[in-house]
N, C-alpha and C. Protein backbone atom coordinates (compact mmCIF):
# COMPACT_ATOMS: atom_id res chain seq x y z
N MET A 1 -16.92 38.18 -34.59
CA MET A 1 -17.02 37.84 -33.20
C MET A 1 -17.11 36.32 -33.09
N ILE A 2 -16.44 35.79 -32.08
CA ILE A 2 -16.43 34.35 -31.86
C ILE A 2 -17.62 33.98 -30.98
N PRO A 3 -18.42 33.05 -31.46
CA PRO A 3 -19.58 32.66 -30.64
C PRO A 3 -19.12 31.85 -29.43
N LEU A 4 -19.73 32.12 -28.31
CA LEU A 4 -19.42 31.39 -27.09
C LEU A 4 -20.32 30.18 -26.99
N THR A 5 -19.71 29.07 -26.73
CA THR A 5 -20.50 27.85 -26.53
C THR A 5 -20.47 27.51 -25.06
N THR A 6 -21.57 27.10 -24.57
CA THR A 6 -21.64 26.69 -23.18
C THR A 6 -21.89 25.19 -23.13
N GLN A 7 -21.24 24.58 -22.19
CA GLN A 7 -21.46 23.16 -21.99
C GLN A 7 -22.23 22.99 -20.70
N SER A 8 -23.23 22.17 -20.76
CA SER A 8 -23.99 21.92 -19.54
C SER A 8 -23.79 20.47 -19.13
N ALA A 9 -23.68 20.29 -17.85
CA ALA A 9 -23.53 18.95 -17.32
C ALA A 9 -24.90 18.31 -17.18
N VAL A 10 -25.06 17.20 -17.82
CA VAL A 10 -26.33 16.49 -17.74
C VAL A 10 -26.10 15.23 -16.92
N ALA A 11 -26.87 15.09 -15.88
CA ALA A 11 -26.75 13.90 -15.04
C ALA A 11 -27.55 12.77 -15.66
N THR A 12 -26.84 11.71 -15.97
CA THR A 12 -27.51 10.52 -16.49
C THR A 12 -27.91 9.65 -15.30
N PRO A 13 -28.83 8.75 -15.49
CA PRO A 13 -29.21 7.86 -14.38
C PRO A 13 -28.03 7.05 -13.85
N ALA A 14 -27.12 6.66 -14.72
CA ALA A 14 -25.97 5.87 -14.28
C ALA A 14 -25.04 6.72 -13.41
N SER A 15 -24.79 7.97 -13.81
CA SER A 15 -23.90 8.81 -13.01
C SER A 15 -24.55 9.19 -11.68
N THR A 16 -25.86 9.34 -11.67
CA THR A 16 -26.55 9.62 -10.42
C THR A 16 -26.46 8.44 -9.48
N LEU A 17 -26.61 7.24 -10.01
CA LEU A 17 -26.51 6.03 -9.19
C LEU A 17 -25.11 5.88 -8.61
N VAL A 18 -24.10 6.12 -9.42
CA VAL A 18 -22.72 6.03 -8.95
C VAL A 18 -22.47 7.06 -7.85
N SER A 19 -22.97 8.26 -8.03
CA SER A 19 -22.80 9.30 -7.01
C SER A 19 -23.48 8.91 -5.70
N LEU A 20 -24.69 8.39 -5.80
CA LEU A 20 -25.40 7.97 -4.59
C LEU A 20 -24.69 6.82 -3.89
N LEU A 21 -24.18 5.86 -4.66
CA LEU A 21 -23.45 4.74 -4.06
C LEU A 21 -22.17 5.21 -3.39
N LEU A 22 -21.49 6.16 -4.01
CA LEU A 22 -20.27 6.71 -3.41
C LEU A 22 -20.59 7.42 -2.10
N PHE A 23 -21.63 8.23 -2.11
CA PHE A 23 -22.03 8.93 -0.89
C PHE A 23 -22.45 7.94 0.19
N LEU A 24 -23.20 6.91 -0.17
CA LEU A 24 -23.61 5.89 0.78
C LEU A 24 -22.40 5.18 1.38
N GLY A 25 -21.41 4.90 0.55
CA GLY A 25 -20.17 4.28 1.05
C GLY A 25 -19.45 5.15 2.05
N LEU A 26 -19.42 6.46 1.79
CA LEU A 26 -18.79 7.38 2.73
C LEU A 26 -19.52 7.41 4.06
N VAL A 27 -20.84 7.44 3.99
CA VAL A 27 -21.64 7.47 5.22
C VAL A 27 -21.45 6.17 6.01
N VAL A 28 -21.46 5.05 5.34
CA VAL A 28 -21.27 3.76 6.01
C VAL A 28 -19.90 3.71 6.67
N SER A 29 -18.89 4.19 5.98
CA SER A 29 -17.54 4.20 6.53
C SER A 29 -17.45 5.05 7.79
N MET A 30 -18.09 6.21 7.77
CA MET A 30 -18.06 7.07 8.96
C MET A 30 -18.84 6.43 10.11
N VAL A 31 -19.97 5.81 9.81
CA VAL A 31 -20.77 5.18 10.86
C VAL A 31 -20.01 4.01 11.48
N VAL A 32 -19.36 3.21 10.67
CA VAL A 32 -18.60 2.07 11.19
C VAL A 32 -17.46 2.55 12.08
N SER A 33 -16.77 3.62 11.69
CA SER A 33 -15.67 4.11 12.53
C SER A 33 -16.20 4.65 13.86
N VAL A 34 -17.36 5.29 13.85
CA VAL A 34 -17.94 5.78 15.11
C VAL A 34 -18.38 4.60 15.98
N VAL A 35 -18.90 3.54 15.37
CA VAL A 35 -19.28 2.35 16.14
C VAL A 35 -18.05 1.71 16.77
N VAL A 36 -16.95 1.65 16.03
CA VAL A 36 -15.71 1.10 16.58
C VAL A 36 -15.24 1.92 17.78
N VAL A 37 -15.31 3.24 17.67
CA VAL A 37 -14.91 4.09 18.79
C VAL A 37 -15.84 3.88 19.99
N ALA A 38 -17.13 3.78 19.73
CA ALA A 38 -18.08 3.56 20.83
C ALA A 38 -17.80 2.23 21.53
N LYS A 39 -17.54 1.19 20.76
CA LYS A 39 -17.21 -0.11 21.36
C LYS A 39 -15.90 -0.03 22.12
N GLY A 40 -14.94 0.71 21.57
CA GLY A 40 -13.65 0.88 22.25
C GLY A 40 -13.79 1.61 23.57
N VAL A 41 -14.61 2.65 23.60
CA VAL A 41 -14.83 3.38 24.84
C VAL A 41 -15.53 2.48 25.86
N GLY A 42 -16.49 1.69 25.40
CA GLY A 42 -17.16 0.75 26.31
C GLY A 42 -16.19 -0.28 26.87
N SER A 43 -15.31 -0.79 26.02
CA SER A 43 -14.31 -1.76 26.48
C SER A 43 -13.33 -1.11 27.44
N TYR A 44 -12.97 0.13 27.16
CA TYR A 44 -12.06 0.85 28.05
C TYR A 44 -12.69 1.03 29.43
N ARG A 45 -13.97 1.38 29.45
CA ARG A 45 -14.65 1.55 30.73
C ARG A 45 -14.74 0.23 31.50
N ALA A 46 -14.90 -0.86 30.77
CA ALA A 46 -15.03 -2.16 31.42
C ALA A 46 -13.68 -2.67 31.94
N THR A 47 -12.61 -2.45 31.18
CA THR A 47 -11.32 -3.03 31.54
C THR A 47 -10.33 -2.01 32.11
N GLY A 48 -10.50 -0.75 31.77
CA GLY A 48 -9.55 0.26 32.21
C GLY A 48 -8.25 0.26 31.43
N ASP A 49 -8.21 -0.46 30.33
CA ASP A 49 -7.00 -0.57 29.51
C ASP A 49 -6.92 0.60 28.53
N PRO A 50 -5.95 1.50 28.70
CA PRO A 50 -5.87 2.66 27.82
C PRO A 50 -5.49 2.32 26.38
N ALA A 51 -4.91 1.14 26.16
CA ALA A 51 -4.53 0.74 24.80
C ALA A 51 -5.77 0.60 23.92
N ILE A 52 -6.86 0.11 24.47
CA ILE A 52 -8.09 -0.04 23.70
C ILE A 52 -8.61 1.32 23.26
N LEU A 53 -8.57 2.27 24.16
CA LEU A 53 -9.00 3.62 23.84
C LEU A 53 -8.09 4.25 22.78
N GLY A 54 -6.80 4.01 22.90
CA GLY A 54 -5.85 4.53 21.92
C GLY A 54 -6.06 3.94 20.54
N LEU A 55 -6.28 2.64 20.48
CA LEU A 55 -6.53 2.00 19.19
C LEU A 55 -7.83 2.50 18.57
N SER A 56 -8.84 2.68 19.38
CA SER A 56 -10.11 3.20 18.87
C SER A 56 -9.95 4.61 18.31
N THR A 57 -9.19 5.43 19.02
CA THR A 57 -8.94 6.80 18.54
C THR A 57 -8.15 6.78 17.25
N GLY A 58 -7.15 5.91 17.17
CA GLY A 58 -6.37 5.79 15.94
C GLY A 58 -7.21 5.36 14.76
N ILE A 59 -8.12 4.42 14.99
CA ILE A 59 -9.00 3.96 13.91
C ILE A 59 -9.92 5.08 13.45
N LEU A 60 -10.43 5.87 14.40
CA LEU A 60 -11.27 7.01 14.03
C LEU A 60 -10.48 8.01 13.19
N LEU A 61 -9.24 8.28 13.58
CA LEU A 61 -8.41 9.22 12.82
C LEU A 61 -8.01 8.67 11.45
N LEU A 62 -7.97 7.36 11.33
CA LEU A 62 -7.62 6.74 10.05
C LEU A 62 -8.79 6.69 9.08
N SER A 63 -10.00 6.54 9.59
CA SER A 63 -11.11 6.30 8.67
C SER A 63 -12.18 7.39 8.69
N GLY A 64 -12.82 7.61 9.79
CA GLY A 64 -13.97 8.50 9.82
C GLY A 64 -13.64 9.97 9.74
N ALA A 65 -12.65 10.40 10.51
CA ALA A 65 -12.33 11.83 10.57
C ALA A 65 -11.85 12.41 9.24
N PRO A 66 -10.98 11.72 8.47
CA PRO A 66 -10.58 12.30 7.18
C PRO A 66 -11.73 12.42 6.19
N ILE A 67 -12.64 11.46 6.21
CA ILE A 67 -13.79 11.53 5.31
C ILE A 67 -14.67 12.72 5.69
N PHE A 68 -14.93 12.86 6.98
CA PHE A 68 -15.75 13.98 7.45
C PHE A 68 -15.08 15.31 7.11
N LEU A 69 -13.78 15.40 7.34
CA LEU A 69 -13.04 16.63 7.02
C LEU A 69 -13.10 16.93 5.53
N ASN A 70 -12.92 15.91 4.71
CA ASN A 70 -13.00 16.10 3.25
C ASN A 70 -14.36 16.65 2.84
N VAL A 71 -15.41 16.05 3.33
CA VAL A 71 -16.76 16.47 2.93
C VAL A 71 -17.05 17.88 3.42
N VAL A 72 -16.72 18.16 4.68
CA VAL A 72 -17.03 19.47 5.24
C VAL A 72 -16.22 20.57 4.57
N LEU A 73 -14.92 20.38 4.45
CA LEU A 73 -14.08 21.43 3.87
C LEU A 73 -14.33 21.61 2.38
N ALA A 74 -14.60 20.53 1.68
CA ALA A 74 -14.82 20.64 0.24
C ALA A 74 -16.14 21.34 -0.08
N THR A 75 -17.13 21.16 0.77
CA THR A 75 -18.44 21.74 0.46
C THR A 75 -18.69 23.09 1.11
N SER A 76 -18.02 23.38 2.22
CA SER A 76 -18.35 24.62 2.93
C SER A 76 -17.28 25.71 2.84
N THR A 77 -16.13 25.39 2.29
CA THR A 77 -15.08 26.40 2.17
C THR A 77 -14.61 26.47 0.73
N GLY A 78 -13.86 27.47 0.46
CA GLY A 78 -13.30 27.62 -0.88
C GLY A 78 -11.86 27.14 -0.97
N LEU A 79 -11.49 26.25 -0.06
CA LEU A 79 -10.11 25.76 -0.06
C LEU A 79 -9.82 24.93 -1.30
N ASP A 80 -8.60 25.02 -1.75
CA ASP A 80 -8.15 24.23 -2.89
C ASP A 80 -8.19 22.74 -2.51
N SER A 81 -8.43 21.90 -3.49
CA SER A 81 -8.53 20.46 -3.21
C SER A 81 -7.21 19.90 -2.70
N ALA A 82 -6.09 20.49 -3.10
CA ALA A 82 -4.79 20.03 -2.61
C ALA A 82 -4.66 20.29 -1.11
N VAL A 83 -5.18 21.41 -0.64
CA VAL A 83 -5.12 21.73 0.79
C VAL A 83 -6.02 20.77 1.57
N VAL A 84 -7.20 20.52 1.06
CA VAL A 84 -8.13 19.61 1.74
C VAL A 84 -7.53 18.21 1.80
N SER A 85 -6.95 17.76 0.71
CA SER A 85 -6.33 16.42 0.69
C SER A 85 -5.16 16.34 1.65
N THR A 86 -4.37 17.40 1.73
CA THR A 86 -3.23 17.42 2.64
C THR A 86 -3.69 17.35 4.09
N LEU A 87 -4.74 18.09 4.43
CA LEU A 87 -5.27 18.05 5.79
C LEU A 87 -5.83 16.66 6.13
N ALA A 88 -6.55 16.05 5.19
CA ALA A 88 -7.09 14.71 5.42
C ALA A 88 -5.96 13.69 5.56
N ASP A 89 -4.93 13.82 4.75
CA ASP A 89 -3.79 12.91 4.86
C ASP A 89 -3.06 13.11 6.18
N GLY A 90 -3.03 14.35 6.67
CA GLY A 90 -2.43 14.61 7.97
C GLY A 90 -3.19 13.91 9.09
N LEU A 91 -4.51 13.89 9.00
CA LEU A 91 -5.31 13.15 9.99
C LEU A 91 -5.02 11.65 9.92
N ARG A 92 -4.91 11.14 8.71
CA ARG A 92 -4.60 9.70 8.56
C ARG A 92 -3.23 9.39 9.17
N LEU A 93 -2.26 10.27 8.94
CA LEU A 93 -0.93 10.07 9.51
C LEU A 93 -0.98 10.11 11.03
N MET A 94 -1.76 11.03 11.58
CA MET A 94 -1.91 11.08 13.04
C MET A 94 -2.52 9.78 13.56
N GLY A 95 -3.50 9.25 12.83
CA GLY A 95 -4.10 7.97 13.23
C GLY A 95 -3.10 6.84 13.22
N LEU A 96 -2.28 6.78 12.19
CA LEU A 96 -1.25 5.74 12.13
C LEU A 96 -0.25 5.89 13.27
N LEU A 97 0.12 7.13 13.58
CA LEU A 97 1.06 7.36 14.67
C LEU A 97 0.46 6.95 16.02
N VAL A 98 -0.81 7.23 16.21
CA VAL A 98 -1.47 6.82 17.46
C VAL A 98 -1.49 5.30 17.57
N VAL A 99 -1.84 4.61 16.49
CA VAL A 99 -1.88 3.14 16.52
C VAL A 99 -0.48 2.58 16.77
N LEU A 100 0.53 3.13 16.10
CA LEU A 100 1.90 2.64 16.31
C LEU A 100 2.37 2.91 17.73
N TYR A 101 2.01 4.07 18.28
CA TYR A 101 2.38 4.37 19.66
C TYR A 101 1.77 3.35 20.62
N VAL A 102 0.50 3.04 20.40
CA VAL A 102 -0.17 2.08 21.28
C VAL A 102 0.47 0.70 21.15
N ILE A 103 0.80 0.31 19.94
CA ILE A 103 1.37 -1.01 19.72
C ILE A 103 2.74 -1.13 20.37
N TYR A 104 3.59 -0.13 20.21
CA TYR A 104 4.96 -0.24 20.66
C TYR A 104 5.22 0.30 22.06
N ASN A 105 4.31 1.04 22.65
CA ASN A 105 4.58 1.64 23.95
C ASN A 105 3.62 1.21 25.05
N THR A 106 2.93 0.12 24.87
CA THR A 106 2.05 -0.34 25.93
C THR A 106 2.63 -1.53 26.68
N GLY A 107 3.83 -1.94 26.32
CA GLY A 107 4.48 -3.04 27.03
C GLY A 107 3.91 -4.39 26.74
N ARG A 108 3.34 -4.56 25.55
CA ARG A 108 2.74 -5.86 25.20
C ARG A 108 3.55 -6.51 24.14
């Protein structure tokens, strides 16, 4: 009979620190994108310029929403990582399209 060997993952202090820094970076990125959207909505209310709102939405779709989608889908569903990455990339593409639409179709 062939003996089965099991490998256990041992978290070293260095790998734990890297993981915490990565998670902190993701949180900071999401917070900054939400702050940008909040400032954009405030500017939109003050000026009534829909381009500001569009740019803010595009920035949110480019940065914060894909990260949130990645974290939520990867941890709460059994979806394959390729599917999660494709969905996140789709959000980024939508953000780019929104920004390009605002740039080229606002008459500026």
